[in-house]
N, C-alpha and C. Protein backbone atom coordinates (compact mmCIF):
# COMPACT_ATOMS: atom_id res chain seq x y z
N MET A 1 361.81 164.77 -63.72
CA MET A 1 362.05 164.51 -62.34
C MET A 1 361.99 163.00 -61.98
N PRO A 2 361.07 162.21 -62.59
CA PRO A 2 360.89 160.94 -62.20
C PRO A 2 362.15 160.12 -62.50
N ARG A 3 362.83 160.50 -63.62
CA ARG A 3 364.17 159.85 -64.05
C ARG A 3 365.23 160.15 -62.91
N PHE A 4 365.31 161.27 -62.41
CA PHE A 4 366.18 161.68 -61.41
C PHE A 4 365.93 160.79 -60.04
N MET A 5 364.56 160.70 -59.73
CA MET A 5 364.24 159.95 -58.59
C MET A 5 364.58 158.48 -58.70
N SER A 6 364.38 157.89 -59.87
CA SER A 6 364.82 156.53 -60.12
C SER A 6 366.22 156.32 -60.00
N ARG A 7 367.15 157.24 -60.57
CA ARG A 7 368.50 157.15 -60.54
C ARG A 7 368.93 157.33 -58.95
N LEU A 8 368.32 158.22 -58.19
CA LEU A 8 368.68 158.47 -56.86
C LEU A 8 368.35 157.18 -56.09
N PHE A 9 367.24 156.56 -56.32
CA PHE A 9 366.76 155.34 -55.70
C PHE A 9 367.77 154.24 -56.13
N GLY A 10 368.26 154.14 -57.34
CA GLY A 10 369.09 153.23 -57.78
C GLY A 10 370.55 153.27 -57.07
N LEU A 11 370.88 154.60 -57.01
CA LEU A 11 372.22 154.85 -56.29
C LEU A 11 372.04 154.40 -54.66
N ALA A 12 370.98 154.74 -54.14
CA ALA A 12 370.80 154.39 -52.70
C ALA A 12 370.74 152.86 -52.55
N LEU A 13 370.15 152.07 -53.51
CA LEU A 13 370.10 150.68 -53.45
C LEU A 13 371.56 150.12 -53.66
N LEU A 14 372.28 150.65 -54.58
CA LEU A 14 373.67 150.12 -54.80
C LEU A 14 374.53 150.45 -53.55
N LEU A 15 374.43 151.52 -52.89
CA LEU A 15 375.20 151.89 -51.71
C LEU A 15 374.67 150.81 -50.59
N ALA A 16 373.53 150.62 -50.44
CA ALA A 16 373.10 149.66 -49.43
C ALA A 16 373.54 148.34 -49.72
N VAL A 17 373.63 147.83 -50.95
CA VAL A 17 374.24 146.51 -51.18
C VAL A 17 375.66 146.49 -50.99
N VAL A 18 376.40 147.52 -51.30
CA VAL A 18 377.91 147.60 -51.09
C VAL A 18 378.10 147.75 -49.66
N ALA A 19 377.49 148.67 -48.90
CA ALA A 19 377.79 148.90 -47.60
C ALA A 19 377.28 147.77 -46.62
N SER A 20 376.40 147.01 -47.02
CA SER A 20 375.75 146.00 -46.14
C SER A 20 376.87 145.05 -45.57
N PRO A 21 377.72 144.41 -46.27
CA PRO A 21 378.80 143.58 -45.79
C PRO A 21 379.57 144.36 -44.79
N MET A 22 379.99 145.54 -45.10
CA MET A 22 380.89 146.32 -44.29
C MET A 22 380.24 146.61 -42.94
N MET A 23 378.94 146.99 -42.95
CA MET A 23 378.17 147.15 -41.77
C MET A 23 378.09 145.87 -40.95
N ALA A 24 377.89 144.79 -41.58
CA ALA A 24 377.81 143.57 -40.79
C ALA A 24 379.04 143.31 -40.19
N ARG A 25 380.28 143.42 -40.87
CA ARG A 25 381.62 143.23 -40.17
C ARG A 25 381.79 144.28 -38.89
N ALA A 26 381.34 145.39 -39.15
CA ALA A 26 381.49 146.38 -38.15
C ALA A 26 380.73 146.05 -36.88
N THR A 27 379.47 145.48 -37.08
CA THR A 27 378.63 145.13 -36.08
C THR A 27 379.34 143.88 -35.32
N LEU A 28 379.85 142.91 -36.12
CA LEU A 28 380.44 141.75 -35.46
C LEU A 28 381.65 142.21 -34.68
N ALA A 29 382.49 143.21 -35.28
CA ALA A 29 383.70 143.61 -34.46
C ALA A 29 383.29 144.24 -33.11
N GLN A 30 382.19 144.98 -33.12
CA GLN A 30 381.70 145.65 -31.97
C GLN A 30 381.19 144.65 -31.00
N ASP A 31 380.65 143.61 -31.39
CA ASP A 31 380.06 142.56 -30.63
C ASP A 31 381.17 141.60 -30.04
N ALA A 32 382.26 141.55 -30.75
CA ALA A 32 383.45 140.69 -30.26
C ALA A 32 384.14 141.33 -29.08
N THR A 33 384.38 140.51 -28.06
CA THR A 33 385.15 140.95 -26.86
C THR A 33 386.66 141.16 -27.31
N PRO A 34 387.12 142.25 -26.98
CA PRO A 34 388.56 142.37 -27.42
C PRO A 34 389.59 141.51 -26.60
N CYS A 35 389.11 141.04 -25.41
CA CYS A 35 390.09 140.09 -24.74
C CYS A 35 389.14 138.82 -24.37
N PRO A 36 389.90 137.83 -24.44
CA PRO A 36 389.18 136.54 -24.06
C PRO A 36 388.80 136.54 -22.57
N ALA A 37 387.74 135.71 -22.24
CA ALA A 37 387.39 135.75 -20.90
C ALA A 37 388.51 135.01 -19.97
N LEU A 38 388.66 135.38 -18.84
CA LEU A 38 389.67 134.83 -17.96
C LEU A 38 389.26 133.40 -17.56
N THR A 39 390.24 132.57 -17.47
CA THR A 39 390.04 131.26 -16.84
C THR A 39 390.59 131.22 -15.60
N GLU A 40 390.31 130.17 -14.79
CA GLU A 40 390.93 129.95 -13.41
C GLU A 40 392.43 129.89 -13.50
N GLU A 41 393.01 129.36 -14.55
CA GLU A 41 394.45 129.22 -14.69
C GLU A 41 394.98 130.69 -15.00
N ASP A 42 394.23 131.36 -15.81
CA ASP A 42 394.76 132.77 -16.14
C ASP A 42 394.77 133.60 -14.84
N ALA A 43 393.70 133.41 -14.15
CA ALA A 43 393.53 134.30 -12.89
C ALA A 43 394.64 133.93 -11.86
N THR A 44 394.94 132.62 -11.73
CA THR A 44 396.02 132.21 -10.78
C THR A 44 397.37 132.70 -11.28
N ALA A 45 397.68 132.55 -12.54
CA ALA A 45 398.93 133.03 -13.13
C ALA A 45 399.11 134.58 -12.87
N TRP A 46 397.92 135.35 -13.29
CA TRP A 46 398.00 136.73 -13.12
C TRP A 46 398.33 137.10 -11.56
N VAL A 47 397.61 136.51 -10.67
CA VAL A 47 397.80 136.75 -9.27
C VAL A 47 399.28 136.46 -8.80
N ALA A 48 399.77 135.41 -9.49
CA ALA A 48 401.19 134.99 -9.09
C ALA A 48 402.18 136.05 -9.49
N THR A 49 401.87 136.65 -10.70
CA THR A 49 402.71 137.69 -11.26
C THR A 49 402.61 138.90 -10.31
N GLN A 50 401.36 139.35 -9.91
CA GLN A 50 401.15 140.43 -9.09
C GLN A 50 401.84 140.38 -7.68
N PHE A 51 401.67 139.05 -7.09
CA PHE A 51 402.31 138.73 -5.79
C PHE A 51 403.89 138.82 -5.93
N ALA A 52 404.45 138.34 -7.03
CA ALA A 52 405.78 138.36 -7.22
C ALA A 52 406.29 139.80 -7.33
N ALA A 53 405.53 140.69 -7.92
CA ALA A 53 406.15 142.10 -8.00
C ALA A 53 405.83 142.66 -6.61
N TRP A 54 404.81 142.30 -5.92
CA TRP A 54 404.56 142.82 -4.56
C TRP A 54 405.71 142.29 -3.56
N ASN A 55 406.12 141.11 -3.59
CA ASN A 55 407.11 140.58 -2.85
C ASN A 55 408.50 141.13 -3.19
N ALA A 56 408.62 141.66 -4.40
CA ALA A 56 409.92 142.19 -4.80
C ALA A 56 409.92 143.67 -4.60
N HIS A 57 408.70 144.28 -4.03
CA HIS A 57 408.54 145.59 -3.86
C HIS A 57 408.79 146.46 -5.15
N ASP A 58 408.39 145.93 -6.23
CA ASP A 58 408.74 146.48 -7.54
C ASP A 58 407.56 147.40 -7.94
N THR A 59 407.60 148.57 -7.43
CA THR A 59 406.35 149.40 -7.67
C THR A 59 406.20 149.81 -9.17
N ASP A 60 407.18 149.85 -10.00
CA ASP A 60 407.06 150.13 -11.44
C ASP A 60 406.31 148.82 -12.08
N GLN A 61 406.70 147.59 -11.68
CA GLN A 61 405.94 146.38 -12.28
C GLN A 61 404.60 146.35 -11.78
N LEU A 62 404.38 146.71 -10.44
CA LEU A 62 403.01 146.69 -9.93
C LEU A 62 402.05 147.67 -10.54
N THR A 63 402.49 148.96 -10.71
CA THR A 63 401.68 149.99 -11.32
C THR A 63 401.49 149.69 -12.81
N ALA A 64 402.27 148.93 -13.48
CA ALA A 64 402.04 148.54 -14.85
C ALA A 64 400.89 147.56 -14.94
N LEU A 65 400.46 147.03 -13.82
CA LEU A 65 399.30 146.15 -13.83
C LEU A 65 398.05 146.88 -13.63
N TYR A 66 397.94 148.28 -13.65
CA TYR A 66 396.90 149.02 -13.29
C TYR A 66 396.56 149.80 -14.59
N ALA A 67 395.31 150.13 -14.80
CA ALA A 67 394.89 151.02 -15.85
C ALA A 67 395.30 152.47 -15.41
N PRO A 68 395.59 153.41 -16.31
CA PRO A 68 396.06 154.74 -15.90
C PRO A 68 395.16 155.36 -14.97
N ASP A 69 393.80 155.10 -15.06
CA ASP A 69 392.84 155.84 -14.19
C ASP A 69 392.22 154.84 -13.13
N ALA A 70 392.94 153.75 -12.88
CA ALA A 70 392.46 152.78 -11.90
C ALA A 70 392.23 153.41 -10.54
N ILE A 71 391.37 152.76 -9.82
CA ILE A 71 391.24 153.17 -8.38
C ILE A 71 391.49 152.08 -7.45
N TYR A 72 392.35 152.28 -6.40
CA TYR A 72 392.66 151.38 -5.39
C TYR A 72 392.02 151.85 -4.04
N HIS A 73 391.17 150.99 -3.58
CA HIS A 73 390.51 151.22 -2.29
C HIS A 73 391.23 150.38 -1.29
N TRP A 74 392.13 151.14 -0.46
CA TRP A 74 393.01 150.50 0.42
C TRP A 74 392.34 149.78 1.55
N GLY A 75 391.20 150.24 2.02
CA GLY A 75 390.53 149.61 3.18
C GLY A 75 391.08 150.27 4.49
N ILE A 76 392.21 151.04 4.40
CA ILE A 76 392.82 151.68 5.42
C ILE A 76 393.39 152.90 4.86
N GLY A 77 393.06 154.08 5.38
CA GLY A 77 393.72 155.24 4.77
C GLY A 77 392.93 155.80 3.54
N VAL A 78 393.52 156.50 2.73
CA VAL A 78 392.85 157.16 1.54
C VAL A 78 393.05 156.33 0.35
N ASP A 79 391.84 156.20 -0.45
CA ASP A 79 391.87 155.65 -1.78
C ASP A 79 392.88 156.27 -2.64
N ALA A 80 393.53 155.58 -3.58
CA ALA A 80 394.41 156.10 -4.47
C ALA A 80 393.77 155.99 -5.86
N GLN A 81 393.86 156.98 -6.77
CA GLN A 81 393.30 156.91 -8.05
C GLN A 81 394.56 157.39 -8.99
N GLY A 82 394.66 156.43 -10.15
CA GLY A 82 395.60 156.61 -11.01
C GLY A 82 396.97 156.01 -10.74
N THR A 83 397.86 155.68 -11.62
CA THR A 83 398.97 155.00 -11.31
C THR A 83 400.05 155.80 -10.42
N ASP A 84 400.04 157.12 -10.64
CA ASP A 84 400.96 157.95 -9.82
C ASP A 84 400.64 157.80 -8.29
N GLU A 85 399.33 157.90 -8.04
CA GLU A 85 398.90 157.87 -6.62
C GLU A 85 399.05 156.51 -6.11
N ILE A 86 398.64 155.46 -6.88
CA ILE A 86 398.84 154.07 -6.40
C ILE A 86 400.32 153.80 -6.19
N GLY A 87 401.18 154.26 -7.01
CA GLY A 87 402.63 153.96 -6.82
C GLY A 87 403.09 154.71 -5.54
N ALA A 88 402.72 155.96 -5.35
CA ALA A 88 403.10 156.69 -4.11
C ALA A 88 402.52 155.90 -2.89
N SER A 89 401.31 155.45 -2.90
CA SER A 89 400.89 154.63 -1.70
C SER A 89 401.55 153.37 -1.40
N LEU A 90 401.92 152.61 -2.54
CA LEU A 90 402.67 151.47 -2.49
C LEU A 90 404.01 151.76 -1.85
N ASN A 91 404.72 152.86 -2.47
CA ASN A 91 406.00 153.18 -1.94
C ASN A 91 406.04 153.60 -0.42
N ALA A 92 405.00 154.21 0.07
CA ALA A 92 404.99 154.52 1.46
C ALA A 92 404.67 153.29 2.28
N PHE A 93 403.97 152.42 1.81
CA PHE A 93 403.71 151.10 2.51
C PHE A 93 405.18 150.38 2.52
N PHE A 94 405.73 150.17 1.48
CA PHE A 94 406.96 149.38 1.36
C PHE A 94 408.15 150.12 2.23
N ALA A 95 408.08 151.30 2.27
CA ALA A 95 409.15 152.15 3.17
C ALA A 95 408.88 151.88 4.54
N ALA A 96 407.48 151.68 5.08
CA ALA A 96 407.27 151.39 6.40
C ALA A 96 407.60 149.81 6.69
N PHE A 97 407.31 148.99 5.75
CA PHE A 97 407.47 147.58 5.88
C PHE A 97 408.36 147.13 4.74
N PRO A 98 409.63 147.33 4.93
CA PRO A 98 410.56 147.12 3.73
C PRO A 98 410.72 145.56 3.52
N GLY A 99 410.50 144.65 4.53
CA GLY A 99 410.64 143.32 4.18
C GLY A 99 409.24 142.55 4.03
N VAL A 100 408.17 143.19 3.94
CA VAL A 100 406.84 142.57 3.97
C VAL A 100 406.73 141.61 2.73
N HIS A 101 406.16 140.43 3.08
CA HIS A 101 406.05 139.28 2.02
C HIS A 101 404.62 138.78 2.19
N GLY A 102 404.04 138.59 0.99
CA GLY A 102 402.71 138.03 0.96
C GLY A 102 402.58 136.62 0.32
N THR A 103 401.82 135.76 0.93
CA THR A 103 401.65 134.45 0.53
C THR A 103 400.15 134.20 0.07
N ILE A 104 399.97 133.76 -1.14
CA ILE A 104 398.63 133.57 -1.73
C ILE A 104 398.15 132.35 -1.08
N GLU A 105 396.94 132.43 -0.51
CA GLU A 105 396.25 131.30 0.12
C GLU A 105 395.19 130.75 -0.75
N GLN A 106 394.40 131.67 -1.42
CA GLN A 106 393.34 131.03 -2.39
C GLN A 106 393.06 132.09 -3.50
N VAL A 107 392.72 131.71 -4.68
CA VAL A 107 392.33 132.56 -5.64
C VAL A 107 390.93 132.11 -6.27
N TRP A 108 389.99 133.01 -6.32
CA TRP A 108 388.64 132.82 -6.96
C TRP A 108 388.52 133.74 -8.15
N LEU A 109 387.67 133.26 -9.04
CA LEU A 109 387.47 134.03 -10.43
C LEU A 109 385.89 134.18 -10.53
N ALA A 110 385.41 135.37 -10.75
CA ALA A 110 384.09 135.59 -11.04
C ALA A 110 383.84 136.63 -12.07
N GLY A 111 383.80 136.03 -13.26
CA GLY A 111 383.71 137.00 -14.49
C GLY A 111 385.18 137.64 -14.67
N ASP A 112 384.99 138.91 -14.53
CA ASP A 112 386.23 139.76 -14.63
C ASP A 112 386.74 140.26 -13.29
N THR A 113 386.22 139.47 -12.24
CA THR A 113 386.80 139.87 -10.88
C THR A 113 387.56 138.73 -10.44
N ILE A 114 388.68 139.12 -9.85
CA ILE A 114 389.70 138.16 -9.25
C ILE A 114 389.68 138.43 -7.67
N ILE A 115 389.51 137.39 -6.90
CA ILE A 115 389.46 137.49 -5.42
C ILE A 115 390.69 136.62 -4.99
N VAL A 116 391.49 137.32 -3.99
CA VAL A 116 392.55 136.62 -3.49
C VAL A 116 392.58 136.85 -1.99
N ARG A 117 392.71 135.63 -1.27
CA ARG A 117 392.91 135.57 0.12
C ARG A 117 394.47 135.34 0.32
N TYR A 118 395.04 136.18 1.20
CA TYR A 118 396.41 136.04 1.45
C TYR A 118 396.89 136.20 2.86
N ILE A 119 398.15 135.87 3.13
CA ILE A 119 398.72 136.06 4.49
C ILE A 119 399.91 137.02 4.24
N ALA A 120 400.13 137.99 5.10
CA ALA A 120 401.32 138.80 4.90
C ALA A 120 402.16 138.81 6.21
N ILE A 121 403.38 138.96 6.01
CA ILE A 121 404.26 138.97 7.27
C ILE A 121 405.32 140.00 6.99
N GLY A 122 405.58 140.73 7.98
CA GLY A 122 406.43 141.88 7.92
C GLY A 122 406.88 142.54 9.23
N VAL A 123 407.69 143.50 9.26
CA VAL A 123 408.21 144.27 10.44
C VAL A 123 408.03 145.71 10.06
N GLN A 124 407.35 146.52 10.79
CA GLN A 124 407.19 147.96 10.54
C GLN A 124 408.35 148.63 11.14
N GLU A 125 409.16 149.28 10.22
CA GLU A 125 410.42 149.86 10.57
C GLU A 125 410.37 151.33 10.71
N THR A 126 409.28 152.06 10.19
CA THR A 126 409.08 153.39 10.26
C THR A 126 407.63 153.68 10.67
N ASP A 127 407.33 154.93 11.13
CA ASP A 127 405.88 155.23 11.49
C ASP A 127 405.14 155.14 10.20
N TYR A 128 403.95 154.70 10.34
CA TYR A 128 403.11 154.47 9.07
C TYR A 128 401.46 154.72 9.52
N MET A 129 400.92 155.79 9.03
CA MET A 129 399.58 156.13 9.25
C MET A 129 399.30 156.35 10.75
N GLY A 130 400.18 156.99 11.46
CA GLY A 130 400.00 157.31 12.84
C GLY A 130 400.42 156.18 13.75
N VAL A 131 400.86 155.03 13.23
CA VAL A 131 401.25 153.87 14.04
C VAL A 131 402.73 153.85 14.18
N PRO A 132 403.44 154.00 15.32
CA PRO A 132 404.85 153.90 15.48
C PRO A 132 405.47 152.70 15.01
N ALA A 133 406.61 152.77 14.65
CA ALA A 133 407.42 151.63 14.35
C ALA A 133 407.56 150.76 15.54
N SER A 134 407.48 149.33 15.32
CA SER A 134 407.53 148.42 16.53
C SER A 134 408.73 147.61 16.45
N GLN A 135 409.36 147.40 15.20
CA GLN A 135 410.38 146.46 15.14
C GLN A 135 410.07 145.04 15.42
N THR A 136 408.66 144.74 15.50
CA THR A 136 408.18 143.42 15.78
C THR A 136 407.58 142.75 14.46
N THR A 137 407.90 141.50 14.30
CA THR A 137 407.42 140.77 13.17
C THR A 137 405.88 140.48 13.44
N VAL A 138 405.03 140.88 12.51
CA VAL A 138 403.75 140.71 12.59
C VAL A 138 403.17 139.98 11.43
N THR A 139 401.98 139.24 11.61
CA THR A 139 401.50 138.50 10.55
C THR A 139 399.94 138.91 10.33
N TRP A 140 399.40 139.08 9.29
CA TRP A 140 397.98 139.48 9.14
C TRP A 140 397.50 138.81 7.86
N THR A 141 396.22 138.78 7.88
CA THR A 141 395.50 138.14 6.71
C THR A 141 394.73 139.25 5.89
N GLY A 142 394.42 138.92 4.63
CA GLY A 142 393.65 139.99 3.94
C GLY A 142 393.05 139.35 2.67
N ILE A 143 392.22 140.22 2.12
CA ILE A 143 391.59 139.77 0.97
C ILE A 143 391.75 140.96 -0.15
N ASN A 144 392.06 140.80 -1.32
CA ASN A 144 392.12 141.70 -2.47
C ASN A 144 391.12 141.30 -3.36
N ILE A 145 390.33 142.32 -3.86
CA ILE A 145 389.37 142.05 -4.95
C ILE A 145 389.74 142.89 -6.13
N TYR A 146 390.12 142.27 -7.28
CA TYR A 146 390.57 143.05 -8.42
C TYR A 146 389.45 142.92 -9.51
N GLN A 147 389.07 144.16 -10.07
CA GLN A 147 388.18 144.09 -11.22
C GLN A 147 389.17 144.26 -12.45
N VAL A 148 389.28 143.32 -13.30
CA VAL A 148 390.42 143.27 -14.32
C VAL A 148 389.76 143.51 -15.69
N ASP A 149 390.36 144.24 -16.59
CA ASP A 149 389.86 144.42 -17.86
C ASP A 149 391.09 144.23 -18.85
N CYS A 150 391.12 143.18 -19.68
CA CYS A 150 392.19 142.80 -20.54
C CYS A 150 393.51 142.78 -19.74
N GLY A 151 393.56 142.15 -18.62
CA GLY A 151 394.77 141.97 -17.92
C GLY A 151 395.26 143.15 -17.05
N VAL A 152 394.54 144.19 -16.95
CA VAL A 152 394.90 145.35 -16.11
C VAL A 152 393.78 145.67 -15.13
N ILE A 153 394.26 146.09 -14.00
CA ILE A 153 393.23 146.34 -12.91
C ILE A 153 392.70 147.61 -13.14
N VAL A 154 391.35 147.65 -13.16
CA VAL A 154 390.64 148.99 -13.29
C VAL A 154 390.18 149.47 -12.02
N GLU A 155 389.86 148.59 -10.98
CA GLU A 155 389.61 148.90 -9.67
C GLU A 155 389.89 147.72 -8.74
N GLN A 156 390.45 148.18 -7.53
CA GLN A 156 390.78 147.20 -6.44
C GLN A 156 390.32 147.49 -5.11
N TRP A 157 389.97 146.49 -4.42
CA TRP A 157 389.51 146.77 -2.99
C TRP A 157 390.44 145.78 -2.12
N GLY A 158 391.12 146.40 -1.18
CA GLY A 158 391.95 145.69 -0.22
C GLY A 158 391.32 145.72 1.16
N GLU A 159 391.19 144.49 1.71
CA GLU A 159 390.70 144.60 3.15
C GLU A 159 391.62 143.56 3.82
N ALA A 160 392.33 144.20 4.95
CA ALA A 160 393.35 143.32 5.68
C ALA A 160 392.94 143.53 7.13
N ASP A 161 393.42 142.60 8.03
CA ASP A 161 393.32 142.69 9.40
C ASP A 161 394.44 143.62 9.99
N HIS A 162 394.20 144.95 9.62
CA HIS A 162 395.12 145.91 10.20
C HIS A 162 395.06 146.11 11.66
N PHE A 163 393.78 145.85 12.23
CA PHE A 163 393.52 146.02 13.60
C PHE A 163 394.36 144.92 14.35
N GLY A 164 394.27 143.68 13.87
CA GLY A 164 395.11 142.60 14.45
C GLY A 164 396.58 142.82 14.28
N ARG A 165 397.12 143.35 13.12
CA ARG A 165 398.47 143.84 12.89
C ARG A 165 398.96 144.81 13.97
N ILE A 166 397.99 145.87 14.15
CA ILE A 166 398.40 146.93 15.13
C ILE A 166 398.39 146.44 16.56
N GLN A 167 397.54 145.41 16.84
CA GLN A 167 397.49 144.87 18.27
C GLN A 167 398.88 144.03 18.44
N GLN A 168 399.28 143.26 17.44
CA GLN A 168 400.55 142.69 17.43
C GLN A 168 401.75 143.44 17.72
N GLN A 169 401.64 144.78 17.27
CA GLN A 169 402.73 145.72 17.43
C GLN A 169 402.57 146.42 18.70
N SER A 170 401.60 146.08 19.62
CA SER A 170 401.34 146.63 20.89
C SER A 170 400.88 148.04 20.80
N ALA A 171 400.38 148.55 19.74
CA ALA A 171 399.98 149.87 19.62
C ALA A 171 398.57 150.07 20.02
N ILE A 172 397.84 148.85 20.29
CA ILE A 172 396.48 148.85 20.70
C ILE A 172 396.32 147.70 21.74
N PRO A 173 395.82 147.99 22.91
CA PRO A 173 395.71 146.94 23.85
C PRO A 173 394.90 145.70 23.36
N VAL A 174 395.41 144.47 23.67
CA VAL A 174 394.75 143.29 23.16
C VAL A 174 393.39 143.08 23.71
N GLY A 175 393.24 143.27 25.04
CA GLY A 175 391.98 143.11 25.83
C GLY A 175 391.58 144.20 26.56
N VAL A 176 390.31 144.36 26.77
CA VAL A 176 389.76 145.36 27.46
C VAL A 176 388.85 144.85 28.59
N GLU A 177 389.05 144.97 29.83
CA GLU A 177 388.18 144.54 30.78
C GLU A 177 386.84 145.10 30.91
N ALA A 178 385.76 144.23 30.94
CA ALA A 178 384.39 144.87 30.97
C ALA A 178 384.04 145.26 32.27
N ASP A 179 383.28 146.34 32.29
CA ASP A 179 382.87 146.90 33.63
C ASP A 179 381.75 146.00 34.10
N ALA A 180 381.85 145.54 35.39
CA ALA A 180 380.92 144.64 35.93
C ALA A 180 379.62 145.35 36.39
N THR A 181 379.60 146.74 36.30
CA THR A 181 378.40 147.48 36.76
C THR A 181 377.68 147.70 35.61
N PRO A 182 376.40 147.35 35.57
CA PRO A 182 375.47 147.67 34.38
C PRO A 182 375.25 149.16 34.33
N ALA A 183 375.11 149.63 33.04
CA ALA A 183 374.80 151.09 32.95
C ALA A 183 373.39 151.42 33.51
N ALA A 184 373.29 152.61 34.01
CA ALA A 184 371.99 152.94 34.59
C ALA A 184 370.97 153.43 33.58
């Protein structure tokens, strides 16, 4: 039995010596980032591509920028999850605002998060989210926050001045007179 144990020990030692470099390579591969960190230039170029697709109303190109299970928090209306829902939401918006155009004002990068401040201009030609078409050119500002992984959006938050846009369309009164009588 001692001879068997020494052979078993020898085999285990041999496996450890042979497997050690492979284990080290596997550990290094796991520690390596599959994608290089974004630079300011990368982020600006990525945003330019995204806005070019937005301005072309190219839903296919836009949804290609999203991970299959991405979440888009619109800031108005219902969140969309997955490229099918995101594409449908974009199509509904583009149908209501067929000439909408966005201009990038500023881009910030924080790790894997890209933040964009923009100005949009468009005419609402059909009813959208309960707001009737106005045929009035409106301008609004917004901020998009993209969490990006290897060049694709995994989550997006959009916040825009929809209240200001709707006021410009005369769907909400611009001012409300204050009651001069204090509440009892």
